[in-house]
Amino acid sequence: MKKLSKSMFIGSDDMAASKKNITESCFAHFHEFCEIEYVLNGSGKCTLNGQDFEMEKGMLFFMTPVDFHTVKGADATVINIMFSSEMTTQKNLLPFTNLVAPKAIETTLENCGFIETVLKEIVKNKNNPQFCSALIDVLLLKLTERLNVVTQDKEYNHSQKMTFYII
């Protein structure tokens, strides 16, 4: 397994953001920054910390520096945000770094639209780090809010439209 450095992807900035097509597999790796990958369309298989997940429209994957992952057989369009932990407050990042096991969380179509809009704004404004930092904080707060609802109430509707995995 290979560790990918911040300088390989983010450079001297604290973040990188893009909409991209994934059409190849990637080797198992982890990195010294956080990564959000939101599937706009397509399919593939993502393995996170040894657990396999099918990639499909509306899925969000959140990886911290302690998580390893790989993608296989993908043909998907994604929004990819890579950022250093300095781009957000530790308070907002802490709920995700403390998770011991993968959690699958489903959210409403309304939240799916909100999350997609925030991610598109980050891509559009990637040269404005202060604005993107605020958007990342808003996104993490929204995901934490959903995480708290699911962990407090174990029963949730599997037929809802978006699933995201937080590792």
Foldseek 3Di string as FASTA:
>chain_A
DEEDECCVPPNPHFKDKDKDWDQAKDDKYAYQWKKKKAFQAWWWWKAKQNDIDIDGHQEIEIDHRVIIMIIHRTGTIIIMMIGHPVLEDCVLVVVLVPDPDKDKFADAPVVSVVLVVLSVVCNVPVVPSNVNSVSVSVNSVVVVVRVVVCVVPVDDDPPHDHMYMGD
